[in-house]
Amino acid sequence: LAEHDQHAADLIASGSLVAAFALTPPEV
């Protein structure tokens, strides 16, 4: 999860990320 958070932070800093959403597990 920390790697995903860092990747998102990198995309935000680069200006590439427009929107992002994490979804709950399929069990719910």
mmCIF file of all heavy atoms, coordinates in Angstrom:
data_MODEL
# 
_entry.id   MODEL 
# 
loop_
_atom_site.group_PDB 
_atom_site.id 
_atom_site.type_symbol 
_atom_site.label_atom_id 
_atom_site.label_alt_id 
_atom_site.label_comp_id 
_atom_site.label_asym_id 
_atom_site.label_entity_id 
_atom_site.label_seq_id 
_atom_site.pdbx_PDB_ins_code 
_atom_site.Cartn_x 
_atom_site.Cartn_y 
_atom_site.Cartn_z 
_atom_site.occupancy 
_atom_site.B_iso_or_equiv 
_atom_site.pdbx_formal_charge 
_atom_site.auth_seq_id 
_atom_site.auth_comp_id 
_atom_site.auth_asym_id 
_atom_site.auth_atom_id 
_atom_site.pdbx_PDB_model_num 
ATOM 1   N N   . LEU A 1 1  ? 0.821   -1.206  0.000   1.00 0.00 ? 1  LEU A N   1 
ATOM 2   C CA  . LEU A 1 1  ? 0.000   0.000   0.000   1.00 0.00 ? 1  LEU A CA  1 
ATOM 3   C C   . LEU A 1 1  ? 0.856   1.256   0.000   1.00 0.00 ? 1  LEU A C   1 
ATOM 4   O O   . LEU A 1 1  ? 0.522   2.244   -0.663  1.00 0.00 ? 1  LEU A O   1 
ATOM 5   C CB  . LEU A 1 1  ? -0.950  -0.015  1.187   1.00 0.00 ? 1  LEU A CB  1 
ATOM 6   C CG  . LEU A 1 1  ? -1.999  -1.141  1.170   1.00 0.00 ? 1  LEU A CG  1 
ATOM 7   C CD1 . LEU A 1 1  ? -2.805  -1.133  2.459   1.00 0.00 ? 1  LEU A CD1 1 
ATOM 8   C CD2 . LEU A 1 1  ? -2.888  -1.062  -0.049  1.00 0.00 ? 1  LEU A CD2 1 
ATOM 9   N N   . ALA A 1 2  ? 1.981   1.215   0.714   1.00 0.00 ? 2  ALA A N   1 
ATOM 10  C CA  . ALA A 1 2  ? 2.889   2.363   0.734   1.00 0.00 ? 2  ALA A CA  1 
ATOM 11  C C   . ALA A 1 2  ? 3.454   2.626   -0.667  1.00 0.00 ? 2  ALA A C   1 
ATOM 12  O O   . ALA A 1 2  ? 3.612   3.783   -1.069  1.00 0.00 ? 2  ALA A O   1 
ATOM 13  C CB  . ALA A 1 2  ? 4.010   2.136   1.740   1.00 0.00 ? 2  ALA A CB  1 
ATOM 14  N N   . GLU A 1 3  ? 3.750   1.558   -1.412  1.00 0.00 ? 3  GLU A N   1 
ATOM 15  C CA  . GLU A 1 3  ? 4.245   1.730   -2.783  1.00 0.00 ? 3  GLU A CA  1 
ATOM 16  C C   . GLU A 1 3  ? 3.181   2.380   -3.666  1.00 0.00 ? 3  GLU A C   1 
ATOM 17  O O   . GLU A 1 3  ? 3.493   3.238   -4.492  1.00 0.00 ? 3  GLU A O   1 
ATOM 18  C CB  . GLU A 1 3  ? 4.678   0.382   -3.372  1.00 0.00 ? 3  GLU A CB  1 
ATOM 19  C CG  . GLU A 1 3  ? 5.962   -0.150  -2.779  1.00 0.00 ? 3  GLU A CG  1 
ATOM 20  C CD  . GLU A 1 3  ? 6.380   -1.477  -3.387  1.00 0.00 ? 3  GLU A CD  1 
ATOM 21  O OE1 . GLU A 1 3  ? 5.506   -2.259  -3.833  1.00 0.00 ? 3  GLU A OE1 1 
ATOM 22  O OE2 . GLU A 1 3  ? 7.591   -1.747  -3.419  1.00 0.00 ? 3  GLU A OE2 1 
ATOM 23  N N   . HIS A 1 4  ? 1.921   1.980   -3.486  1.00 0.00 ? 4  HIS A N   1 
ATOM 24  C CA  . HIS A 1 4  ? 0.834   2.595   -4.258  1.00 0.00 ? 4  HIS A CA  1 
ATOM 25  C C   . HIS A 1 4  ? 0.664   4.065   -3.874  1.00 0.00 ? 4  HIS A C   1 
ATOM 26  O O   . HIS A 1 4  ? 0.458   4.912   -4.751  1.00 0.00 ? 4  HIS A O   1 
ATOM 27  C CB  . HIS A 1 4  ? -0.475  1.821   -4.052  1.00 0.00 ? 4  HIS A CB  1 
ATOM 28  C CG  . HIS A 1 4  ? -0.525  0.555   -4.835  1.00 0.00 ? 4  HIS A CG  1 
ATOM 29  N ND1 . HIS A 1 4  ? -0.882  0.515   -6.165  1.00 0.00 ? 4  HIS A ND1 1 
ATOM 30  C CD2 . HIS A 1 4  ? -0.241  -0.720  -4.484  1.00 0.00 ? 4  HIS A CD2 1 
ATOM 31  C CE1 . HIS A 1 4  ? -0.828  -0.726  -6.604  1.00 0.00 ? 4  HIS A CE1 1 
ATOM 32  N NE2 . HIS A 1 4  ? -0.441  -1.495  -5.602  1.00 0.00 ? 4  HIS A NE2 1 
ATOM 33  N N   . ASP A 1 5  ? 0.754   4.371   -2.589  1.00 0.00 ? 5  ASP A N   1 
ATOM 34  C CA  . ASP A 1 5  ? 0.637   5.762   -2.138  1.00 0.00 ? 5  ASP A CA  1 
ATOM 35  C C   . ASP A 1 5  ? 1.752   6.615   -2.738  1.00 0.00 ? 5  ASP A C   1 
ATOM 36  O O   . ASP A 1 5  ? 1.517   7.747   -3.174  1.00 0.00 ? 5  ASP A O   1 
ATOM 37  C CB  . ASP A 1 5  ? 0.679   5.846   -0.616  1.00 0.00 ? 5  ASP A CB  1 
ATOM 38  C CG  . ASP A 1 5  ? -0.590  5.309   0.040   1.00 0.00 ? 5  ASP A CG  1 
ATOM 39  O OD1 . ASP A 1 5  ? -1.615  5.123   -0.654  1.00 0.00 ? 5  ASP A OD1 1 
ATOM 40  O OD2 . ASP A 1 5  ? -0.538  5.057   1.269   1.00 0.00 ? 5  ASP A OD2 1 
ATOM 41  N N   . GLN A 1 6  ? 2.971   6.082   -2.773  1.00 0.00 ? 6  GLN A N   1 
ATOM 42  C CA  . GLN A 1 6  ? 4.094   6.829   -3.343  1.00 0.00 ? 6  GLN A CA  1 
ATOM 43  C C   . GLN A 1 6  ? 3.906   7.030   -4.836  1.00 0.00 ? 6  GLN A C   1 
ATOM 44  O O   . GLN A 1 6  ? 4.177   8.108   -5.374  1.00 0.00 ? 6  GLN A O   1 
ATOM 45  C CB  . GLN A 1 6  ? 5.423   6.116   -3.066  1.00 0.00 ? 6  GLN A CB  1 
ATOM 46  C CG  . GLN A 1 6  ? 6.637   6.883   -3.578  1.00 0.00 ? 6  GLN A CG  1 
ATOM 47  C CD  . GLN A 1 6  ? 6.750   8.272   -2.962  1.00 0.00 ? 6  GLN A CD  1 
ATOM 48  O OE1 . GLN A 1 6  ? 6.795   8.405   -1.747  1.00 0.00 ? 6  GLN A OE1 1 
ATOM 49  N NE2 . GLN A 1 6  ? 6.787   9.320   -3.783  1.00 0.00 ? 6  GLN A NE2 1 
ATOM 50  N N   . HIS A 1 7  ? 3.422   5.986   -5.519  1.00 0.00 ? 7  HIS A N   1 
ATOM 51  C CA  . HIS A 1 7  ? 3.159   6.100   -6.961  1.00 0.00 ? 7  HIS A CA  1 
ATOM 52  C C   . HIS A 1 7  ? 2.130   7.197   -7.221  1.00 0.00 ? 7  HIS A C   1 
ATOM 53  O O   . HIS A 1 7  ? 2.312   8.036   -8.119  1.00 0.00 ? 7  HIS A O   1 
ATOM 54  C CB  . HIS A 1 7  ? 2.675   4.752   -7.502  1.00 0.00 ? 7  HIS A CB  1 
ATOM 55  C CG  . HIS A 1 7  ? 2.323   4.769   -8.955  1.00 0.00 ? 7  HIS A CG  1 
ATOM 56  N ND1 . HIS A 1 7  ? 3.238   5.007   -9.952  1.00 0.00 ? 7  HIS A ND1 1 
ATOM 57  C CD2 . HIS A 1 7  ? 1.135   4.599   -9.574  1.00 0.00 ? 7  HIS A CD2 1 
ATOM 58  C CE1 . HIS A 1 7  ? 2.639   4.970   -11.126 1.00 0.00 ? 7  HIS A CE1 1 
ATOM 59  N NE2 . HIS A 1 7  ? 1.358   4.724   -10.931 1.00 0.00 ? 7  HIS A NE2 1 
ATOM 60  N N   . ALA A 1 8  ? 1.055   7.233   -6.434  1.00 0.00 ? 8  ALA A N   1 
ATOM 61  C CA  . ALA A 1 8  ? 0.031   8.273   -6.583  1.00 0.00 ? 8  ALA A CA  1 
ATOM 62  C C   . ALA A 1 8  ? 0.629   9.653   -6.333  1.00 0.00 ? 8  ALA A C   1 
ATOM 63  O O   . ALA A 1 8  ? 0.355   10.602  -7.078  1.00 0.00 ? 8  ALA A O   1 
ATOM 64  C CB  . ALA A 1 8  ? -1.132  8.003   -5.636  1.00 0.00 ? 8  ALA A CB  1 
ATOM 65  N N   . ALA A 1 9  ? 1.449   9.770   -5.300  1.00 0.00 ? 9  ALA A N   1 
ATOM 66  C CA  . ALA A 1 9  ? 2.089   11.055  -4.995  1.00 0.00 ? 9  ALA A CA  1 
ATOM 67  C C   . ALA A 1 9  ? 2.975   11.502  -6.157  1.00 0.00 ? 9  ALA A C   1 
ATOM 68  O O   . ALA A 1 9  ? 2.997   12.692  -6.508  1.00 0.00 ? 9  ALA A O   1 
ATOM 69  C CB  . ALA A 1 9  ? 2.897   10.950  -3.705  1.00 0.00 ? 9  ALA A CB  1 
ATOM 70  N N   . ASP A 1 10 ? 3.697   10.566  -6.761  1.00 0.00 ? 10 ASP A N   1 
ATOM 71  C CA  . ASP A 1 10 ? 4.553   10.889  -7.907  1.00 0.00 ? 10 ASP A CA  1 
ATOM 72  C C   . ASP A 1 10 ? 3.719   11.391  -9.090  1.00 0.00 ? 10 ASP A C   1 
ATOM 73  O O   . ASP A 1 10 ? 4.099   12.344  -9.770  1.00 0.00 ? 10 ASP A O   1 
ATOM 74  C CB  . ASP A 1 10 ? 5.375   9.679   -8.335  1.00 0.00 ? 10 ASP A CB  1 
ATOM 75  C CG  . ASP A 1 10 ? 6.423   9.272   -7.305  1.00 0.00 ? 10 ASP A CG  1 
ATOM 76  O OD1 . ASP A 1 10 ? 6.718   10.059  -6.380  1.00 0.00 ? 10 ASP A OD1 1 
ATOM 77  O OD2 . ASP A 1 10 ? 6.934   8.129   -7.417  1.00 0.00 ? 10 ASP A OD2 1 
ATOM 78  N N   . LEU A 1 11 ? 2.569   10.728  -9.347  1.00 0.00 ? 11 LEU A N   1 
ATOM 79  C CA  . LEU A 1 11 ? 1.708   11.143  -10.459 1.00 0.00 ? 11 LEU A CA  1 
ATOM 80  C C   . LEU A 1 11 ? 1.089   12.518  -10.196 1.00 0.00 ? 11 LEU A C   1 
ATOM 81  O O   . LEU A 1 11 ? 0.958   13.327  -11.119 1.00 0.00 ? 11 LEU A O   1 
ATOM 82  C CB  . LEU A 1 11 ? 0.617   10.103  -10.713 1.00 0.00 ? 11 LEU A CB  1 
ATOM 83  C CG  . LEU A 1 11 ? 1.082   8.767   -11.288 1.00 0.00 ? 11 LEU A CG  1 
ATOM 84  C CD1 . LEU A 1 11 ? -0.105  7.826   -11.442 1.00 0.00 ? 11 LEU A CD1 1 
ATOM 85  C CD2 . LEU A 1 11 ? 1.788   8.962   -12.622 1.00 0.00 ? 11 LEU A CD2 1 
ATOM 86  N N   . ILE A 1 12 ? 0.721   12.771  -8.956  1.00 0.00 ? 12 ILE A N   1 
ATOM 87  C CA  . ILE A 1 12 ? 0.175   14.082  -8.596  1.00 0.00 ? 12 ILE A CA  1 
ATOM 88  C C   . ILE A 1 12 ? 1.242   15.158  -8.821  1.00 0.00 ? 12 ILE A C   1 
ATOM 89  O O   . ILE A 1 12 ? 0.981   16.196  -9.431  1.00 0.00 ? 12 ILE A O   1 
ATOM 90  C CB  . ILE A 1 12 ? -0.323  14.090  -7.139  1.00 0.00 ? 12 ILE A CB  1 
ATOM 91  C CG1 . ILE A 1 12 ? -1.572  13.212  -7.008  1.00 0.00 ? 12 ILE A CG1 1 
ATOM 92  C CG2 . ILE A 1 12 ? -0.609  15.512  -6.661  1.00 0.00 ? 12 ILE A CG2 1 
ATOM 93  C CD1 . ILE A 1 12 ? -1.959  12.893  -5.580  1.00 0.00 ? 12 ILE A CD1 1 
ATOM 94  N N   . ALA A 1 13 ? 2.455   14.885  -8.350  1.00 0.00 ? 13 ALA A N   1 
ATOM 95  C CA  . ALA A 1 13 ? 3.543   15.854  -8.496  1.00 0.00 ? 13 ALA A CA  1 
ATOM 96  C C   . ALA A 1 13 ? 3.870   16.130  -9.959  1.00 0.00 ? 13 ALA A C   1 
ATOM 97  O O   . ALA A 1 13 ? 4.212   17.261  -10.319 1.00 0.00 ? 13 ALA A O   1 
ATOM 98  C CB  . ALA A 1 13 ? 4.785   15.359  -7.750  1.00 0.00 ? 13 ALA A CB  1 
ATOM 99  N N   . SER A 1 14 ? 3.732   15.109  -10.813 1.00 0.00 ? 14 SER A N   1 
ATOM 100 C CA  . SER A 1 14 ? 4.045   15.283  -12.231 1.00 0.00 ? 14 SER A CA  1 
ATOM 101 C C   . SER A 1 14 ? 2.930   15.990  -12.994 1.00 0.00 ? 14 SER A C   1 
ATOM 102 O O   . SER A 1 14 ? 3.128   16.422  -14.131 1.00 0.00 ? 14 SER A O   1 
ATOM 103 C CB  . SER A 1 14 ? 4.313   13.920  -12.886 1.00 0.00 ? 14 SER A CB  1 
ATOM 104 O OG  . SER A 1 14 ? 3.091   13.213  -13.090 1.00 0.00 ? 14 SER A OG  1 
ATOM 105 N N   . GLY A 1 15 ? 1.747   16.077  -12.379 1.00 0.00 ? 15 GLY A N   1 
ATOM 106 C CA  . GLY A 1 15 ? 0.612   16.686  -13.050 1.00 0.00 ? 15 GLY A CA  1 
ATOM 107 C C   . GLY A 1 15 ? -0.145  15.730  -13.953 1.00 0.00 ? 15 GLY A C   1 
ATOM 108 O O   . GLY A 1 15 ? -1.082  16.135  -14.643 1.00 0.00 ? 15 GLY A O   1 
ATOM 109 N N   . SER A 1 16 ? 0.221   14.462  -13.971 1.00 0.00 ? 16 SER A N   1 
ATOM 110 C CA  . SER A 1 16 ? -0.427  13.477  -14.834 1.00 0.00 ? 16 SER A CA  1 
ATOM 111 C C   . SER A 1 16 ? -1.754  12.960  -14.291 1.00 0.00 ? 16 SER A C   1 
ATOM 112 O O   . SER A 1 16 ? -2.629  12.575  -15.053 1.00 0.00 ? 16 SER A O   1 
ATOM 113 C CB  . SER A 1 16 ? 0.495   12.255  -15.040 1.00 0.00 ? 16 SER A CB  1 
ATOM 114 O OG  . SER A 1 16 ? 1.678   12.635  -15.670 1.00 0.00 ? 16 SER A OG  1 
ATOM 115 N N   . LEU A 1 17 ? -1.888  12.917  -12.966 1.00 0.00 ? 17 LEU A N   1 
ATOM 116 C CA  . LEU A 1 17 ? -3.068  12.314  -12.363 1.00 0.00 ? 17 LEU A CA  1 
ATOM 117 C C   . LEU A 1 17 ? -4.233  13.299  -12.342 1.00 0.00 ? 17 LEU A C   1 
ATOM 118 O O   . LEU A 1 17 ? -4.125  14.398  -11.806 1.00 0.00 ? 17 LEU A O   1 
ATOM 119 C CB  . LEU A 1 17 ? -2.756  11.831  -10.947 1.00 0.00 ? 17 LEU A CB  1 
ATOM 120 C CG  . LEU A 1 17 ? -3.826  10.978  -10.279 1.00 0.00 ? 17 LEU A CG  1 
ATOM 121 C CD1 . LEU A 1 17 ? -4.066  9.684   -11.043 1.00 0.00 ? 17 LEU A CD1 1 
ATOM 122 C CD2 . LEU A 1 17 ? -3.424  10.669  -8.842  1.00 0.00 ? 17 LEU A CD2 1 
ATOM 123 N N   . VAL A 1 18 ? -5.348  12.888  -12.919 1.00 0.00 ? 18 VAL A N   1 
ATOM 124 C CA  . VAL A 1 18 ? -6.564  13.698  -12.933 1.00 0.00 ? 18 VAL A CA  1 
ATOM 125 C C   . VAL A 1 18 ? -7.469  13.279  -11.784 1.00 0.00 ? 18 VAL A C   1 
ATOM 126 O O   . VAL A 1 18 ? -8.045  14.123  -11.101 1.00 0.00 ? 18 VAL A O   1 
ATOM 127 C CB  . VAL A 1 18 ? -7.302  13.533  -14.287 1.00 0.00 ? 18 VAL A CB  1 
ATOM 128 C CG1 . VAL A 1 18 ? -8.641  14.243  -14.273 1.00 0.00 ? 18 VAL A CG1 1 
ATOM 129 C CG2 . VAL A 1 18 ? -6.425  14.023  -15.434 1.00 0.00 ? 18 VAL A CG2 1 
ATOM 130 N N   . ALA A 1 19 ? -7.605  11.976  -11.567 1.00 0.00 ? 19 ALA A N   1 
ATOM 131 C CA  . ALA A 1 19 ? -8.468  11.441  -10.508 1.00 0.00 ? 19 ALA A CA  1 
ATOM 132 C C   . ALA A 1 19 ? -8.001  10.030  -10.181 1.00 0.00 ? 19 ALA A C   1 
ATOM 133 O O   . ALA A 1 19 ? -7.418  9.353   -11.023 1.00 0.00 ? 19 ALA A O   1 
ATOM 134 C CB  . ALA A 1 19 ? -9.920  11.415  -10.954 1.00 0.00 ? 19 ALA A CB  1 
ATOM 135 N N   . ALA A 1 20 ? -8.273  9.602   -8.954  1.00 0.00 ? 20 ALA A N   1 
ATOM 136 C CA  . ALA A 1 20 ? -7.931  8.239   -8.557  1.00 0.00 ? 20 ALA A CA  1 
ATOM 137 C C   . ALA A 1 20 ? -8.897  7.773   -7.484  1.00 0.00 ? 20 ALA A C   1 
ATOM 138 O O   . ALA A 1 20 ? -9.320  8.572   -6.637  1.00 0.00 ? 20 ALA A O   1 
ATOM 139 C CB  . ALA A 1 20 ? -6.490  8.171   -8.036  1.00 0.00 ? 20 ALA A CB  1 
ATOM 140 N N   . PHE A 1 21 ? -9.226  6.501   -7.532  1.00 0.00 ? 21 PHE A N   1 
ATOM 141 C CA  . PHE A 1 21 ? -10.165 5.916   -6.586  1.00 0.00 ? 21 PHE A CA  1 
ATOM 142 C C   . PHE A 1 21 ? -9.707  4.515   -6.216  1.00 0.00 ? 21 PHE A C   1 
ATOM 143 O O   . PHE A 1 21 ? -9.441  3.698   -7.092  1.00 0.00 ? 21 PHE A O   1 
ATOM 144 C CB  . PHE A 1 21 ? -11.573 5.834   -7.195  1.00 0.00 ? 21 PHE A CB  1 
ATOM 145 C CG  . PHE A 1 21 ? -12.077 7.156   -7.684  1.00 0.00 ? 21 PHE A CG  1 
ATOM 146 C CD1 . PHE A 1 21 ? -11.866 7.562   -8.992  1.00 0.00 ? 21 PHE A CD1 1 
ATOM 147 C CD2 . PHE A 1 21 ? -12.745 8.004   -6.817  1.00 0.00 ? 21 PHE A CD2 1 
ATOM 148 C CE1 . PHE A 1 21 ? -12.319 8.789   -9.444  1.00 0.00 ? 21 PHE A CE1 1 
ATOM 149 C CE2 . PHE A 1 21 ? -13.201 9.245   -7.263  1.00 0.00 ? 21 PHE A CE2 1 
ATOM 150 C CZ  . PHE A 1 21 ? -12.983 9.634   -8.577  1.00 0.00 ? 21 PHE A CZ  1 
ATOM 151 N N   . ALA A 1 22 ? -9.630  4.239   -4.923  1.00 0.00 ? 22 ALA A N   1 
ATOM 152 C CA  . ALA A 1 22 ? -9.380  2.885   -4.433  1.00 0.00 ? 22 ALA A CA  1 
ATOM 153 C C   . ALA A 1 22 ? -10.742 2.284   -4.100  1.00 0.00 ? 22 ALA A C   1 
ATOM 154 O O   . ALA A 1 22 ? -11.619 2.980   -3.582  1.00 0.00 ? 22 ALA A O   1 
ATOM 155 C CB  . ALA A 1 22 ? -8.494  2.920   -3.193  1.00 0.00 ? 22 ALA A CB  1 
ATOM 156 N N   . LEU A 1 23 ? -10.925 1.017   -4.401  1.00 0.00 ? 23 LEU A N   1 
ATOM 157 C CA  . LEU A 1 23 ? -12.200 0.352   -4.166  1.00 0.00 ? 23 LEU A CA  1 
ATOM 158 C C   . LEU A 1 23 ? -12.094 -0.629  -3.008  1.00 0.00 ? 23 LEU A C   1 
ATOM 159 O O   . LEU A 1 23 ? -11.016 -1.139  -2.715  1.00 0.00 ? 23 LEU A O   1 
ATOM 160 C CB  . LEU A 1 23 ? -12.641 -0.378  -5.439  1.00 0.00 ? 23 LEU A CB  1 
ATOM 161 C CG  . LEU A 1 23 ? -12.742 0.497   -6.686  1.00 0.00 ? 23 LEU A CG  1 
ATOM 162 C CD1 . LEU A 1 23 ? -13.095 -0.345  -7.901  1.00 0.00 ? 23 LEU A CD1 1 
ATOM 163 C CD2 . LEU A 1 23 ? -13.743 1.615   -6.487  1.00 0.00 ? 23 LEU A CD2 1 
ATOM 164 N N   . THR A 1 24 ? -13.219 -0.891  -2.371  1.00 0.00 ? 24 THR A N   1 
ATOM 165 C CA  . THR A 1 24 ? -13.253 -1.869  -1.277  1.00 0.00 ? 24 THR A CA  1 
ATOM 166 C C   . THR A 1 24 ? -13.025 -3.269  -1.845  1.00 0.00 ? 24 THR A C   1 
ATOM 167 O O   . THR A 1 24 ? -13.186 -3.496  -3.050  1.00 0.00 ? 24 THR A O   1 
ATOM 168 C CB  . THR A 1 24 ? -14.606 -1.832  -0.546  1.00 0.00 ? 24 THR A CB  1 
ATOM 169 O OG1 . THR A 1 24 ? -15.635 -2.099  -1.485  1.00 0.00 ? 24 THR A OG1 1 
ATOM 170 C CG2 . THR A 1 24 ? -14.827 -0.496  0.133   1.00 0.00 ? 24 THR A CG2 1 
ATOM 171 N N   . PRO A 1 25 ? -12.676 -4.227  -0.989  1.00 0.00 ? 25 PRO A N   1 
ATOM 172 C CA  . PRO A 1 25 ? -12.483 -5.600  -1.463  1.00 0.00 ? 25 PRO A CA  1 
ATOM 173 C C   . PRO A 1 25 ? -13.781 -6.173  -2.045  1.00 0.00 ? 25 PRO A C   1 
ATOM 174 O O   . PRO A 1 25 ? -14.883 -5.725  -1.693  1.00 0.00 ? 25 PRO A O   1 
ATOM 175 C CB  . PRO A 1 25 ? -12.081 -6.364  -0.201  1.00 0.00 ? 25 PRO A CB  1 
ATOM 176 C CG  . PRO A 1 25 ? -11.620 -5.327  0.762   1.00 0.00 ? 25 PRO A CG  1 
ATOM 177 C CD  . PRO A 1 25 ? -12.371 -4.076  0.430   1.00 0.00 ? 25 PRO A CD  1 
ATOM 178 N N   . PRO A 1 26 ? -13.664 -7.162  -2.909  1.00 0.00 ? 26 PRO A N   1 
ATOM 179 C CA  . PRO A 1 26 ? -14.861 -7.717  -3.559  1.00 0.00 ? 26 PRO A CA  1 
ATOM 180 C C   . PRO A 1 26 ? -15.856 -8.348  -2.590  1.00 0.00 ? 26 PRO A C   1 
ATOM 181 O O   . PRO A 1 26 ? -17.025 -8.486  -2.921  1.00 0.00 ? 26 PRO A O   1 
ATOM 182 C CB  . PRO A 1 26 ? -14.300 -8.755  -4.531  1.00 0.00 ? 26 PRO A CB  1 
ATOM 183 C CG  . PRO A 1 26 ? -12.924 -9.034  -4.083  1.00 0.00 ? 26 PRO A CG  1 
ATOM 184 C CD  . PRO A 1 26 ? -12.438 -7.809  -3.368  1.00 0.00 ? 26 PRO A CD  1 
ATOM 185 N N   . GLU A 1 27 ? -15.420 -8.707  -1.397  1.00 0.00 ? 27 GLU A N   1 
ATOM 186 C CA  . GLU A 1 27 ? -16.326 -9.315  -0.425  1.00 0.00 ? 27 GLU A CA  1 
ATOM 187 C C   . GLU A 1 27 ? -17.469 -8.374  -0.023  1.00 0.00 ? 27 GLU A C   1 
ATOM 188 O O   . GLU A 1 27 ? -18.498 -8.832  0.456   1.00 0.00 ? 27 GLU A O   1 
ATOM 189 C CB  . GLU A 1 27 ? -15.575 -9.755  0.838   1.00 0.00 ? 27 GLU A CB  1 
ATOM 190 C CG  . GLU A 1 27 ? -14.550 -10.843 0.613   1.00 0.00 ? 27 GLU A CG  1 
ATOM 191 C CD  . GLU A 1 27 ? -13.245 -10.321 0.022   1.00 0.00 ? 27 GLU A CD  1 
ATOM 192 O OE1 . GLU A 1 27 ? -12.898 -9.142  0.214   1.00 0.00 ? 27 GLU A OE1 1 
ATOM 193 O OE2 . GLU A 1 27 ? -12.567 -11.118 -0.674  1.00 0.00 ? 27 GLU A OE2 1 
ATOM 194 N N   . VAL A 1 28 ? -17.311 -7.083  -0.189  1.00 0.00 ? 28 VAL A N   1 
ATOM 195 C CA  . VAL A 1 28 ? -18.362 -6.134  0.180   1.00 0.00 ? 28 VAL A CA  1 
ATOM 196 C C   . VAL A 1 28 ? -19.097 -5.594  -1.051  1.00 0.00 ? 28 VAL A C   1 
ATOM 197 O O   . VAL A 1 28 ? -19.808 -4.609  -0.962  1.00 0.00 ? 28 VAL A O   1 
ATOM 198 C CB  . VAL A 1 28 ? -17.811 -4.974  1.043   1.00 0.00 ? 28 VAL A CB  1 
ATOM 199 C CG1 . VAL A 1 28 ? -17.287 -5.494  2.363   1.00 0.00 ? 28 VAL A CG1 1 
ATOM 200 C CG2 . VAL A 1 28 ? -16.740 -4.210  0.301   1.00 0.00 ? 28 VAL A CG2 1 
# 
